[in-house]
Structures are given as C-alpha cells and as structure tokens.
Amino acid sequence: MGVIIQPVTPDHLPSCLEIYNHYALHTVVTFHTTTQPLSFFSSTLEATSKARLPFFVAVDSSLREYSEHDEQTNENRRHPMKEKESNTERDEVKDEAKDSKTTFEESGALGYT
C-alpha cells in the first residue's frame, strides 16, 4: 500500500469526518466528545482555504476512487505559470513582512532607541 499526501477536497470530507468522529467518541485526542456534522469539516476546509493555510489528507494510493484526482493533481503540480505566480506571491509576502518588521522596530516597541 502506498500513501499519497494531497490537498483536501470536498470529496475527502466524509472519510475525514468518519475518522475524526471515531476518535472523538473513543479517545481523548480531540476536544469533542460527540460526533460532529459534515459542516464541521466543510467550514474547516473553507476557513483554511480562505486563510491560504495548508490542509492535507493522506490517501491510500491503491484506492480507485482517488486515482483520477491524483492524476489531475500531479499534472497541476509542476505547471510553470502556477509556480511563477506562487513565487511572485511569496515575494510579495516577504516584502510585506519586511515592511512590517521595519515599522515595528522603528516604532520603538522593542525598547531600543
């Protein structure tokens, strides 16, 4: 059995929920003690996507239902334009962080003069 790590899609949510609810009912590894509705993971996916945070799932590569999605994901993974956009966005975030750091240090908030 091989495992593929890939971004979560809405198709993954029912399986994720089934696993999560098992651990909510039978262990102490979650803060929930009752089962959660599908909207719990739907809202999590929406929030992480909106915040541009990673949300991944490990999928058994032998499962037929995910093979099509995996092929599409692999095709998109090395798309040159997407990499270029990604690098540009990364540079913009770095520039914003530099500006924020400079502003913070110049404000004297660290106690340095």
PDB file of N, CA and C in Angstrom:
ATOM      1  N   MET A   1       0.844  -1.179   0.000  1.00  0.00           N
ATOM      2  CA  MET A   1       0.000   0.000   0.000  1.00  0.00           C
ATOM      3  C   MET A   1       0.887   1.239   0.000  1.00  0.00           C
ATOM      4  N   GLY A   2       0.647   2.140  -0.935  1.00  0.00           N
ATOM      5  CA  GLY A   2       1.328   3.415  -0.965  1.00  0.00           C
ATOM      6  C   GLY A   2       0.406   4.498  -0.448  1.00  0.00           C
ATOM      7  N   VAL A   3       0.985   5.561   0.028  1.00  0.00           N
ATOM      8  CA  VAL A   3       0.202   6.674   0.546  1.00  0.00           C
ATOM      9  C   VAL A   3       0.557   7.920  -0.242  1.00  0.00           C
ATOM     10  N   ILE A   4      -0.461   8.663  -0.603  1.00  0.00           N
ATOM     11  CA  ILE A   4      -0.281   9.919  -1.319  1.00  0.00           C
ATOM     12  C   ILE A   4      -0.781  11.039  -0.418  1.00  0.00           C
ATOM     13  N   ILE A   5       0.036  12.052  -0.229  1.00  0.00           N
ATOM     14  CA  ILE A   5      -0.368  13.239   0.524  1.00  0.00           C
ATOM     15  C   ILE A   5      -0.848  14.253  -0.501  1.00  0.00           C
ATOM     16  N   GLN A   6      -2.054  14.747  -0.301  1.00  0.00           N
ATOM     17  CA  GLN A   6      -2.597  15.700  -1.259  1.00  0.00           C
ATOM     18  C   GLN A   6      -3.491  16.693  -0.536  1.00  0.00           C
ATOM     19  N   PRO A   7      -3.754  17.834  -1.157  1.00  0.00           N
ATOM     20  CA  PRO A   7      -4.672  18.801  -0.543  1.00  0.00           C
ATOM     21  C   PRO A   7      -6.067  18.208  -0.398  1.00  0.00           C
ATOM     22  N   VAL A   8      -6.738  18.567   0.666  1.00  0.00           N
ATOM     23  CA  VAL A   8      -8.091  18.089   0.912  1.00  0.00           C
ATOM     24  C   VAL A   8      -9.041  18.721  -0.099  1.00  0.00           C
ATOM     25  N   THR A   9      -9.958  17.902  -0.598  1.00  0.00           N
ATOM     26  CA  THR A   9     -11.035  18.380  -1.463  1.00  0.00           C
ATOM     27  C   THR A   9     -12.352  18.038  -0.782  1.00  0.00           C
ATOM     28  N   PRO A  10     -13.456  18.609  -1.225  1.00  0.00           N
ATOM     29  CA  PRO A  10     -14.748  18.263  -0.621  1.00  0.00           C
ATOM     30  C   PRO A  10     -15.051  16.760  -0.681  1.00  0.00           C
ATOM     31  N   ASP A  11     -14.504  16.064  -1.667  1.00  0.00           N
ATOM     32  CA  ASP A  11     -14.727  14.614  -1.765  1.00  0.00           C
ATOM     33  C   ASP A  11     -14.104  13.849  -0.597  1.00  0.00           C
ATOM     34  N   HIS A  12     -13.061  14.399   0.003  1.00  0.00           N
ATOM     35  CA  HIS A  12     -12.393  13.731   1.121  1.00  0.00           C
ATOM     36  C   HIS A  12     -13.143  13.889   2.450  1.00  0.00           C
ATOM     37  N   LEU A  13     -13.987  14.901   2.548  1.00  0.00           N
ATOM     38  CA  LEU A  13     -14.557  15.275   3.840  1.00  0.00           C
ATOM     39  C   LEU A  13     -15.364  14.178   4.537  1.00  0.00           C
ATOM     40  N   PRO A  14     -16.211  13.415   3.853  1.00  0.00           N
ATOM     41  CA  PRO A  14     -16.933  12.356   4.573  1.00  0.00           C
ATOM     42  C   PRO A  14     -15.998  11.329   5.222  1.00  0.00           C
ATOM     43  N   SER A  15     -14.936  10.956   4.537  1.00  0.00           N
ATOM     44  CA  SER A  15     -13.983   9.995   5.123  1.00  0.00           C
ATOM     45  C   SER A  15     -13.237  10.614   6.296  1.00  0.00           C
ATOM     46  N   CYS A  16     -12.841  11.876   6.147  1.00  0.00           N
ATOM     47  CA  CYS A  16     -12.164  12.573   7.253  1.00  0.00           C
ATOM     48  C   CYS A  16     -13.075  12.646   8.470  1.00  0.00           C
ATOM     49  N   LEU A  17     -14.351  12.951   8.221  1.00  0.00           N
ATOM     50  CA  LEU A  17     -15.309  13.056   9.314  1.00  0.00           C
ATOM     51  C   LEU A  17     -15.502  11.717  10.021  1.00  0.00           C
ATOM     52  N   GLU A  18     -15.565  10.654   9.266  1.00  0.00           N
ATOM     53  CA  GLU A  18     -15.720   9.322   9.855  1.00  0.00           C
ATOM     54  C   GLU A  18     -14.546   9.001  10.786  1.00  0.00           C
ATOM     55  N   ILE A  19     -13.354   9.293  10.341  1.00  0.00           N
ATOM     56  CA  ILE A  19     -12.161   9.052  11.166  1.00  0.00           C
ATOM     57  C   ILE A  19     -12.179   9.956  12.397  1.00  0.00           C
ATOM     58  N   TYR A  20     -12.464  11.233  12.186  1.00  0.00           N
ATOM     59  CA  TYR A  20     -12.479  12.190  13.296  1.00  0.00           C
ATOM     60  C   TYR A  20     -13.504  11.789  14.353  1.00  0.00           C
ATOM     61  N   ASN A  21     -14.706  11.453  13.908  1.00  0.00           N
ATOM     62  CA  ASN A  21     -15.761  11.096  14.854  1.00  0.00           C
ATOM     63  C   ASN A  21     -15.425   9.845  15.653  1.00  0.00           C
ATOM     64  N   HIS A  22     -14.738   8.899  15.038  1.00  0.00           N
ATOM     65  CA  HIS A  22     -14.296   7.714  15.785  1.00  0.00           C
ATOM     66  C   HIS A  22     -13.413   8.142  16.956  1.00  0.00           C
ATOM     67  N   TYR A  23     -12.445   9.022  16.676  1.00  0.00           N
ATOM     68  CA  TYR A  23     -11.530   9.454  17.729  1.00  0.00           C
ATOM     69  C   TYR A  23     -12.209  10.371  18.743  1.00  0.00           C
ATOM     70  N   ALA A  24     -13.206  11.140  18.317  1.00  0.00           N
ATOM     71  CA  ALA A  24     -13.952  11.981  19.255  1.00  0.00           C
ATOM     72  C   ALA A  24     -14.713  11.120  20.264  1.00  0.00           C
ATOM     73  N   LEU A  25     -15.266  10.012  19.798  1.00  0.00           N
ATOM     74  CA  LEU A  25     -16.058   9.147  20.678  1.00  0.00           C
ATOM     75  C   LEU A  25     -15.233   8.196  21.528  1.00  0.00           C
ATOM     76  N   HIS A  26     -14.090   7.768  21.022  1.00  0.00           N
ATOM     77  CA  HIS A  26     -13.367   6.675  21.683  1.00  0.00           C
ATOM     78  C   HIS A  26     -12.010   7.039  22.272  1.00  0.00           C
ATOM     79  N   THR A  27     -11.583   8.280  22.126  1.00  0.00           N
ATOM     80  CA  THR A  27     -10.272   8.665  22.658  1.00  0.00           C
ATOM     81  C   THR A  27     -10.351  10.070  23.254  1.00  0.00           C
ATOM     82  N   VAL A  28      -9.226  10.550  23.735  1.00  0.00           N
ATOM     83  CA  VAL A  28      -9.154  11.907  24.271  1.00  0.00           C
ATOM     84  C   VAL A  28      -8.275  12.813  23.392  1.00  0.00           C
ATOM     85  N   VAL A  29      -8.065  12.438  22.150  1.00  0.00           N
ATOM     86  CA  VAL A  29      -7.168  13.217  21.285  1.00  0.00           C
ATOM     87  C   VAL A  29      -7.857  14.404  20.615  1.00  0.00           C
ATOM     88  N   THR A  30      -9.175  14.548  20.780  1.00  0.00           N
ATOM     89  CA  THR A  30      -9.875  15.736  20.278  1.00  0.00           C
ATOM     90  C   THR A  30     -10.531  16.419  21.470  1.00  0.00           C
ATOM     91  N   PHE A  31     -10.959  17.641  21.275  1.00  0.00           N
ATOM     92  CA  PHE A  31     -11.687  18.333  22.337  1.00  0.00           C
ATOM     93  C   PHE A  31     -13.177  17.996  22.291  1.00  0.00           C
ATOM     94  N   HIS A  32     -13.618  17.343  21.228  1.00  0.00           N
ATOM     95  CA  HIS A  32     -15.019  16.958  21.117  1.00  0.00           C
ATOM     96  C   HIS A  32     -15.264  15.603  21.780  1.00  0.00           C
ATOM     97  N   THR A  33     -16.442  15.475  22.371  1.00  0.00           N
ATOM     98  CA  THR A  33     -16.820  14.201  22.985  1.00  0.00           C
ATOM     99  C   THR A  33     -18.044  13.601  22.300  1.00  0.00           C
ATOM    100  N   THR A  34     -18.548  14.300  21.285  1.00  0.00           N
ATOM    101  CA  THR A  34     -19.671  13.803  20.494  1.00  0.00           C
ATOM    102  C   THR A  34     -19.287  13.887  19.023  1.00  0.00           C
ATOM    103  N   THR A  35     -20.065  13.202  18.184  1.00  0.00           N
ATOM    104  CA  THR A  35     -19.790  13.246  16.752  1.00  0.00           C
ATOM    105  C   THR A  35     -20.092  14.639  16.206  1.00  0.00           C
ATOM    106  N   GLN A  36     -19.395  14.996  15.153  1.00  0.00           N
ATOM    107  CA  GLN A  36     -19.562  16.292  14.504  1.00  0.00           C
ATOM    108  C   GLN A  36     -20.270  16.101  13.164  1.00  0.00           C
ATOM    109  N   PRO A  37     -21.007  17.110  12.711  1.00  0.00           N
ATOM    110  CA  PRO A  37     -21.658  17.016  11.402  1.00  0.00           C
ATOM    111  C   PRO A  37     -20.659  17.296  10.283  1.00  0.00           C
ATOM    112  N   LEU A  38     -21.048  16.988   9.073  1.00  0.00           N
ATOM    113  CA  LEU A  38     -20.182  17.239   7.922  1.00  0.00           C
ATOM    114  C   LEU A  38     -19.821  18.718   7.806  1.00  0.00           C
ATOM    115  N   SER A  39     -20.700  19.584   8.241  1.00  0.00           N
ATOM    116  CA  SER A  39     -20.427  21.028   8.173  1.00  0.00           C
ATOM    117  C   SER A  39     -19.192  21.411   8.991  1.00  0.00           C
ATOM    118  N   PHE A  40     -18.843  20.598   9.993  1.00  0.00           N
ATOM    119  CA  PHE A  40     -17.636  20.851  10.787  1.00  0.00           C
ATOM    120  C   PHE A  40     -16.402  20.860   9.891  1.00  0.00           C
ATOM    121  N   PHE A  41     -16.266  19.840   9.034  1.00  0.00           N
ATOM    122  CA  PHE A  41     -15.111  19.785   8.132  1.00  0.00           C
ATOM    123  C   PHE A  41     -15.287  20.716   6.946  1.00  0.00           C
ATOM    124  N   SER A  42     -16.510  20.926   6.502  1.00  0.00           N
ATOM    125  CA  SER A  42     -16.738  21.863   5.396  1.00  0.00           C
ATOM    126  C   SER A  42     -16.301  23.264   5.785  1.00  0.00           C
ATOM    127  N   SER A  43     -16.652  23.675   6.988  1.00  0.00           N
ATOM    128  CA  SER A  43     -16.251  25.016   7.443  1.00  0.00           C
ATOM    129  C   SER A  43     -14.747  25.093   7.682  1.00  0.00           C
ATOM    130  N   THR A  44     -14.150  23.991   8.125  1.00  0.00           N
ATOM    131  CA  THR A  44     -12.694  23.962   8.304  1.00  0.00           C
ATOM    132  C   THR A  44     -11.987  24.111   6.963  1.00  0.00           C
ATOM    133  N   LEU A  45     -12.466  23.387   5.955  1.00  0.00           N
ATOM    134  CA  LEU A  45     -11.876  23.496   4.620  1.00  0.00           C
ATOM    135  C   LEU A  45     -12.040  24.902   4.074  1.00  0.00           C
ATOM    136  N   GLU A  46     -13.210  25.477   4.252  1.00  0.00           N
ATOM    137  CA  GLU A  46     -13.463  26.839   3.764  1.00  0.00           C
ATOM    138  C   GLU A  46     -12.554  27.850   4.467  1.00  0.00           C
ATOM    139  N   ALA A  47     -12.429  27.724   5.782  1.00  0.00           N
ATOM    140  CA  ALA A  47     -11.607  28.669   6.546  1.00  0.00           C
ATOM    141  C   ALA A  47     -10.126  28.547   6.195  1.00  0.00           C
ATOM    142  N   THR A  48      -9.641  27.321   6.065  1.00  0.00           N
ATOM    143  CA  THR A  48      -8.219  27.163   5.738  1.00  0.00           C
ATOM    144  C   THR A  48      -7.929  27.628   4.318  1.00  0.00           C
ATOM    145  N   SER A  49      -8.863  27.398   3.412  1.00  0.00           N
ATOM    146  CA  SER A  49      -8.681  27.869   2.033  1.00  0.00           C
ATOM    147  C   SER A  49      -8.673  29.388   1.984  1.00  0.00           C
ATOM    148  N   LYS A  50      -9.610  29.995   2.689  1.00  0.00           N
ATOM    149  CA  LYS A  50      -9.705  31.456   2.710  1.00  0.00           C
ATOM    150  C   LYS A  50      -8.445  32.080   3.312  1.00  0.00           C
ATOM    151  N   ALA A  51      -7.906  31.450   4.346  1.00  0.00           N
ATOM    152  CA  ALA A  51      -6.696  31.953   5.005  1.00  0.00           C
ATOM    153  C   ALA A  51      -5.422  31.515   4.291  1.00  0.00           C
ATOM    154  N   ARG A  52      -5.577  30.738   3.229  1.00  0.00           N
ATOM    155  CA  ARG A  52      -4.465  30.219   2.442  1.00  0.00           C
ATOM    156  C   ARG A  52      -3.509  29.379   3.294  1.00  0.00           C
ATOM    157  N   LEU A  53      -4.112  28.552   4.153  1.00  0.00           N
ATOM    158  CA  LEU A  53      -3.358  27.639   5.010  1.00  0.00           C
ATOM    159  C   LEU A  53      -3.411  26.236   4.421  1.00  0.00           C
ATOM    160  N   PRO A  54      -2.425  25.417   4.706  1.00  0.00           N
ATOM    161  CA  PRO A  54      -2.427  24.047   4.180  1.00  0.00           C
ATOM    162  C   PRO A  54      -3.440  23.170   4.917  1.00  0.00           C
ATOM    163  N   PHE A  55      -4.037  22.263   4.195  1.00  0.00           N
ATOM    164  CA  PHE A  55      -4.959  21.275   4.758  1.00  0.00           C
ATOM    165  C   PHE A  55      -4.802  20.041   3.881  1.00  0.00           C
ATOM    166  N   PHE A  56      -4.123  19.029   4.400  1.00  0.00           N
ATOM    167  CA  PHE A  56      -3.765  17.855   3.612  1.00  0.00           C
ATOM    168  C   PHE A  56      -4.429  16.595   4.144  1.00  0.00           C
ATOM    169  N   VAL A  57      -4.474  15.590   3.282  1.00  0.00           N
ATOM    170  CA  VAL A  57      -5.004  14.287   3.642  1.00  0.00           C
ATOM    171  C   VAL A  57      -4.059  13.233   3.075  1.00  0.00           C
ATOM    172  N   ALA A  58      -3.913  12.139   3.801  1.00  0.00           N
ATOM    173  CA  ALA A  58      -3.126  11.001   3.308  1.00  0.00           C
ATOM    174  C   ALA A  58      -4.112  10.005   2.717  1.00  0.00           C
ATOM    175  N   VAL A  59      -3.886   9.626   1.463  1.00  0.00           N
ATOM    176  CA  VAL A  59      -4.809   8.751   0.739  1.00  0.00           C
ATOM    177  C   VAL A  59      -4.084   7.484   0.324  1.00  0.00           C
ATOM    178  N   ASP A  60      -4.744   6.364   0.517  1.00  0.00           N
ATOM    179  CA  ASP A  60      -4.217   5.076   0.061  1.00  0.00           C
ATOM    180  C   ASP A  60      -4.188   5.104  -1.463  1.00  0.00           C
ATOM    181  N   SER A  61      -3.003   5.009  -2.048  1.00  0.00           N
ATOM    182  CA  SER A  61      -2.856   5.142  -3.498  1.00  0.00           C
ATOM    183  C   SER A  61      -3.501   3.992  -4.270  1.00  0.00           C
ATOM    184  N   SER A  62      -3.838   2.908  -3.596  1.00  0.00           N
ATOM    185  CA  SER A  62      -4.469   1.795  -4.292  1.00  0.00           C
ATOM    186  C   SER A  62      -5.986   1.973  -4.427  1.00  0.00           C
ATOM    187  N   LEU A  63      -6.540   2.984  -3.764  1.00  0.00           N
ATOM    188  CA  LEU A  63      -7.982   3.214  -3.867  1.00  0.00           C
ATOM    189  C   LEU A  63      -8.331   3.797  -5.220  1.00  0.00           C
ATOM    190  N   ARG A  64      -9.201   3.139  -5.904  1.00  0.00           N
ATOM    191  CA  ARG A  64      -9.571   3.525  -7.259  1.00  0.00           C
ATOM    192  C   ARG A  64     -10.240   4.892  -7.312  1.00  0.00           C
ATOM    193  N   GLU A  65     -11.038   5.234  -6.284  1.00  0.00           N
ATOM    194  CA  GLU A  65     -11.809   6.467  -6.314  1.00  0.00           C
ATOM    195  C   GLU A  65     -10.932   7.721  -6.322  1.00  0.00           C
ATOM    196  N   TYR A  66      -9.694   7.619  -5.885  1.00  0.00           N
ATOM    197  CA  TYR A  66      -8.835   8.791  -5.847  1.00  0.00           C
ATOM    198  C   TYR A  66      -7.834   8.838  -6.998  1.00  0.00           C
ATOM    199  N   SER A  67      -7.763   7.805  -7.797  1.00  0.00           N
ATOM    200  CA  SER A  67      -6.737   7.757  -8.829  1.00  0.00           C
ATOM    201  C   SER A  67      -6.893   8.878  -9.855  1.00  0.00           C
ATOM    202  N   GLU A  68      -8.132   9.217 -10.245  1.00  0.00           N
ATOM    203  CA  GLU A  68      -8.335  10.299 -11.206  1.00  0.00           C
ATOM    204  C   GLU A  68      -7.881  11.627 -10.622  1.00  0.00           C
ATOM    205  N   HIS A  69      -8.264  11.878  -9.379  1.00  0.00           N
ATOM    206  CA  HIS A  69      -7.874  13.131  -8.741  1.00  0.00           C
ATOM    207  C   HIS A  69      -6.361  13.241  -8.627  1.00  0.00           C
ATOM    208  N   ASP A  70      -5.700  12.148  -8.296  1.00  0.00           N
ATOM    209  CA  ASP A  70      -4.245  12.146  -8.161  1.00  0.00           C
ATOM    210  C   ASP A  70      -3.580  12.513  -9.474  1.00  0.00           C
ATOM    211  N   GLU A  71      -4.098  11.974 -10.573  1.00  0.00           N
ATOM    212  CA  GLU A  71      -3.519  12.289 -11.875  1.00  0.00           C
ATOM    213  C   GLU A  71      -3.655  13.773 -12.172  1.00  0.00           C
ATOM    214  N   GLN A  72      -4.818  14.356 -11.881  1.00  0.00           N
ATOM    215  CA  GLN A  72      -5.026  15.782 -12.109  1.00  0.00           C
ATOM    216  C   GLN A  72      -4.115  16.598 -11.212  1.00  0.00           C
ATOM    217  N   THR A  73      -3.978  16.191  -9.966  1.00  0.00           N
ATOM    218  CA  THR A  73      -3.120  16.910  -9.030  1.00  0.00           C
ATOM    219  C   THR A  73      -1.673  16.879  -9.505  1.00  0.00           C
ATOM    220  N   ASN A  74      -1.211  15.728  -9.952  1.00  0.00           N
ATOM    221  CA  ASN A  74       0.169  15.613 -10.424  1.00  0.00           C
ATOM    222  C   ASN A  74       0.413  16.461 -11.657  1.00  0.00           C
ATOM    223  N   GLU A  75      -0.579  16.554 -12.557  1.00  0.00           N
ATOM    224  CA  GLU A  75      -0.428  17.387 -13.737  1.00  0.00           C
ATOM    225  C   GLU A  75      -0.290  18.848 -13.357  1.00  0.00           C
ATOM    226  N   ASN A  76      -1.043  19.287 -12.370  1.00  0.00           N
ATOM    227  CA  ASN A  76      -1.035  20.694 -11.968  1.00  0.00           C
ATOM    228  C   ASN A  76       0.148  21.047 -11.076  1.00  0.00           C
ATOM    229  N   ARG A  77       0.766  20.055 -10.495  1.00  0.00           N
ATOM    230  CA  ARG A  77       1.814  20.293  -9.518  1.00  0.00           C
ATOM    231  C   ARG A  77       3.016  21.039 -10.097  1.00  0.00           C
ATOM    232  N   ARG A  78       3.394  20.784 -11.334  1.00  0.00           N
ATOM    233  CA  ARG A  78       4.577  21.394 -11.928  1.00  0.00           C
ATOM    234  C   ARG A  78       4.242  22.384 -13.039  1.00  0.00           C
ATOM    235  N   HIS A  79       3.074  22.954 -12.974  1.00  0.00           N
ATOM    236  CA  HIS A  79       2.663  23.898 -14.006  1.00  0.00           C
ATOM    237  C   HIS A  79       3.519  25.159 -13.877  1.00  0.00           C
ATOM    238  N   PRO A  80       4.291  25.518 -14.919  1.00  0.00           N
ATOM    239  CA  PRO A  80       5.229  26.640 -14.826  1.00  0.00           C
ATOM    240  C   PRO A  80       4.572  27.956 -14.452  1.00  0.00           C
ATOM    241  N   MET A  81       3.397  28.238 -14.994  1.00  0.00           N
ATOM    242  CA  MET A  81       2.743  29.507 -14.689  1.00  0.00           C
ATOM    243  C   MET A  81       2.325  29.563 -13.228  1.00  0.00           C
ATOM    244  N   LYS A  82       1.823  28.441 -12.703  1.00  0.00           N
ATOM    245  CA  LYS A  82       1.424  28.408 -11.306  1.00  0.00           C
ATOM    246  C   LYS A  82       2.634  28.608 -10.404  1.00  0.00           C
ATOM    247  N   GLU A  83       3.779  28.013 -10.765  1.00  0.00           N
ATOM    248  CA  GLU A  83       4.991  28.205  -9.973  1.00  0.00           C
ATOM    249  C   GLU A  83       5.414  29.662 -10.009  1.00  0.00           C
ATOM    250  N   LYS A  84       5.308  30.300 -11.183  1.00  0.00           N
ATOM    251  CA  LYS A  84       5.684  31.704 -11.319  1.00  0.00           C
ATOM    252  C   LYS A  84       4.788  32.575 -10.441  1.00  0.00           C
ATOM    253  N   GLU A  85       3.466  32.322 -10.489  1.00  0.00           N
ATOM    254  CA  GLU A  85       2.545  33.077  -9.654  1.00  0.00           C
ATOM    255  C   GLU A  85       2.857  32.844  -8.184  1.00  0.00           C
ATOM    256  N   SER A  86       3.145  31.606  -7.837  1.00  0.00           N
ATOM    257  CA  SER A  86       3.450  31.263  -6.457  1.00  0.00           C
ATOM    258  C   SER A  86       4.691  32.011  -5.971  1.00  0.00           C
ATOM    259  N   ASN A  87       5.719  32.057  -6.807  1.00  0.00           N
ATOM    260  CA  ASN A  87       6.939  32.774  -6.432  1.00  0.00           C
ATOM    261  C   ASN A  87       6.679  34.259  -6.284  1.00  0.00           C
ATOM    262  N   THR A  88       5.879  34.823  -7.170  1.00  0.00           N
ATOM    263  CA  THR A  88       5.553  36.238  -7.092  1.00  0.00           C
ATOM    264  C   THR A  88       4.802  36.531  -5.808  1.00  0.00           C
ATOM    265  N   GLU A  89       3.814  35.704  -5.477  1.00  0.00           N
ATOM    266  CA  GLU A  89       3.064  35.881  -4.245  1.00  0.00           C
ATOM    267  C   GLU A  89       3.971  35.752  -3.036  1.00  0.00           C
ATOM    268  N   ARG A  90       4.878  34.789  -3.061  1.00  0.00           N
ATOM    269  CA  ARG A  90       5.810  34.596  -1.958  1.00  0.00           C
ATOM    270  C   ARG A  90       6.679  35.836  -1.769  1.00  0.00           C
ATOM    271  N   ASP A  91       7.162  36.413  -2.876  1.00  0.00           N
ATOM    272  CA  ASP A  91       7.976  37.619  -2.802  1.00  0.00           C
ATOM    273  C   ASP A  91       7.182  38.789  -2.227  1.00  0.00           C
ATOM    274  N   GLU A  92       5.902  38.894  -2.606  1.00  0.00           N
ATOM    275  CA  GLU A  92       5.064  39.963  -2.081  1.00  0.00           C
ATOM    276  C   GLU A  92       4.890  39.819  -0.578  1.00  0.00           C
ATOM    277  N   VAL A  93       4.687  38.588  -0.110  1.00  0.00           N
ATOM    278  CA  VAL A  93       4.531  38.344   1.325  1.00  0.00           C
ATOM    279  C   VAL A  93       5.816  38.701   2.056  1.00  0.00           C
ATOM    280  N   LYS A  94       6.972  38.334   1.481  1.00  0.00           N
ATOM    281  CA  LYS A  94       8.254  38.675   2.103  1.00  0.00           C
ATOM    282  C   LYS A  94       8.413  40.185   2.193  1.00  0.00           C
ATOM    283  N   ASP A  95       8.057  40.900   1.129  1.00  0.00           N
ATOM    284  CA  ASP A  95       8.161  42.364   1.140  1.00  0.00           C
ATOM    285  C   ASP A  95       7.262  42.962   2.213  1.00  0.00           C
ATOM    286  N   GLU A  96       6.039  42.441   2.334  1.00  0.00           N
ATOM    287  CA  GLU A  96       5.128  42.932   3.364  1.00  0.00           C
ATOM    288  C   GLU A  96       5.699  42.668   4.754  1.00  0.00           C
ATOM    289  N   ALA A  97       6.309  41.505   4.937  1.00  0.00           N
ATOM    290  CA  ALA A  97       6.895  41.162   6.238  1.00  0.00           C
ATOM    291  C   ALA A  97       8.047  42.105   6.563  1.00  0.00           C
ATOM    292  N   LYS A  98       8.878  42.417   5.563  1.00  0.00           N
ATOM    293  CA  LYS A  98       9.983  43.360   5.788  1.00  0.00           C
ATOM    294  C   LYS A  98       9.442  44.714   6.206  1.00  0.00           C
ATOM    295  N   ASP A  99       8.408  45.195   5.495  1.00  0.00           N
ATOM    296  CA  ASP A  99       7.808  46.485   5.824  1.00  0.00           C
ATOM    297  C   ASP A  99       7.254  46.477   7.240  1.00  0.00           C
ATOM    298  N   SER A 100       6.585  45.394   7.615  1.00  0.00           N
ATOM    299  CA  SER A 100       6.007  45.291   8.951  1.00  0.00           C
ATOM    300  C   SER A 100       7.099  45.289  10.008  1.00  0.00           C
ATOM    301  N   LYS A 101       8.180  44.565   9.753  1.00  0.00           N
ATOM    302  CA  LYS A 101       9.282  44.483  10.704  1.00  0.00           C
ATOM    303  C   LYS A 101       9.921  45.854  10.886  1.00  0.00           C
ATOM    304  N   THR A 102      10.162  46.528   9.794  1.00  0.00           N
ATOM    305  CA  THR A 102      10.773  47.850   9.861  1.00  0.00           C
ATOM    306  C   THR A 102       9.873  48.792  10.640  1.00  0.00           C
ATOM    307  N   THR A 103       8.600  48.792  10.345  1.00  0.00           N
ATOM    308  CA  THR A 103       7.646  49.660  11.028  1.00  0.00           C
ATOM    309  C   THR A 103       7.626  49.347  12.513  1.00  0.00           C
ATOM    310  N   PHE A 104       7.642  48.064  12.861  1.00  0.00           N
ATOM    311  CA  PHE A 104       7.612  47.637  14.252  1.00  0.00           C
ATOM    312  C   PHE A 104       8.861  48.108  14.980  1.00  0.00           C
ATOM    313  N   GLU A 105      10.035  47.893  14.363  1.00  0.00           N
ATOM    314  CA  GLU A 105      11.287  48.296  15.004  1.00  0.00           C
ATOM    315  C   GLU A 105      11.382  49.813  15.115  1.00  0.00           C
ATOM    316  N   GLU A 106      10.935  50.513  14.091  1.00  0.00           N
ATOM    317  CA  GLU A 106      11.008  51.970  14.122  1.00  0.00           C
ATOM    318  C   GLU A 106      10.060  52.552  15.160  1.00  0.00           C
ATOM    319  N   SER A 107       9.025  51.800  15.512  1.00  0.00           N
ATOM    320  CA  SER A 107       8.052  52.314  16.469  1.00  0.00           C
ATOM    321  C   SER A 107       8.619  52.388  17.880  1.00  0.00           C
ATOM    322  N   GLY A 108       9.744  51.710  18.112  1.00  0.00           N
ATOM    323  CA  GLY A 108      10.326  51.702  19.448  1.00  0.00           C
ATOM    324  C   GLY A 108       9.668  50.711  20.374  1.00  0.00           C
ATOM    325  N   ALA A 109       8.816  49.867  19.839  1.00  0.00           N
ATOM    326  CA  ALA A 109       8.068  48.915  20.667  1.00  0.00           C
ATOM    327  C   ALA A 109       8.993  47.922  21.356  1.00  0.00           C
ATOM    328  N   LEU A 110      10.190  47.728  20.814  1.00  0.00           N
ATOM    329  CA  LEU A 110      11.111  46.785  21.429  1.00  0.00           C
ATOM    330  C   LEU A 110      11.908  47.409  22.570  1.00  0.00           C
ATOM    331  N   GLY A 111      11.770  48.703  22.746  1.00  0.00           N
ATOM    332  CA  GLY A 111      12.505  49.375  23.809  1.00  0.00           C
ATOM    333  C   GLY A 111      13.878  49.823  23.407  1.00  0.00           C
ATOM    334  N   TYR A 112      14.238  49.647  22.136  1.00  0.00           N
ATOM    335  CA  TYR A 112      15.531  50.096  21.649  1.00  0.00           C
ATOM    336  C   TYR A 112      15.400  51.521  21.118  1.00  0.00           C
ATOM    337  N   THR A 113      16.360  52.315  21.396  1.00  0.00           N
ATOM    338  CA  THR A 113      16.334  53.683  20.848  1.00  0.00           C
ATOM    339  C   THR A 113      17.608  53.974  20.116  1.00  0.00           C
TER     340      THR A 113
END
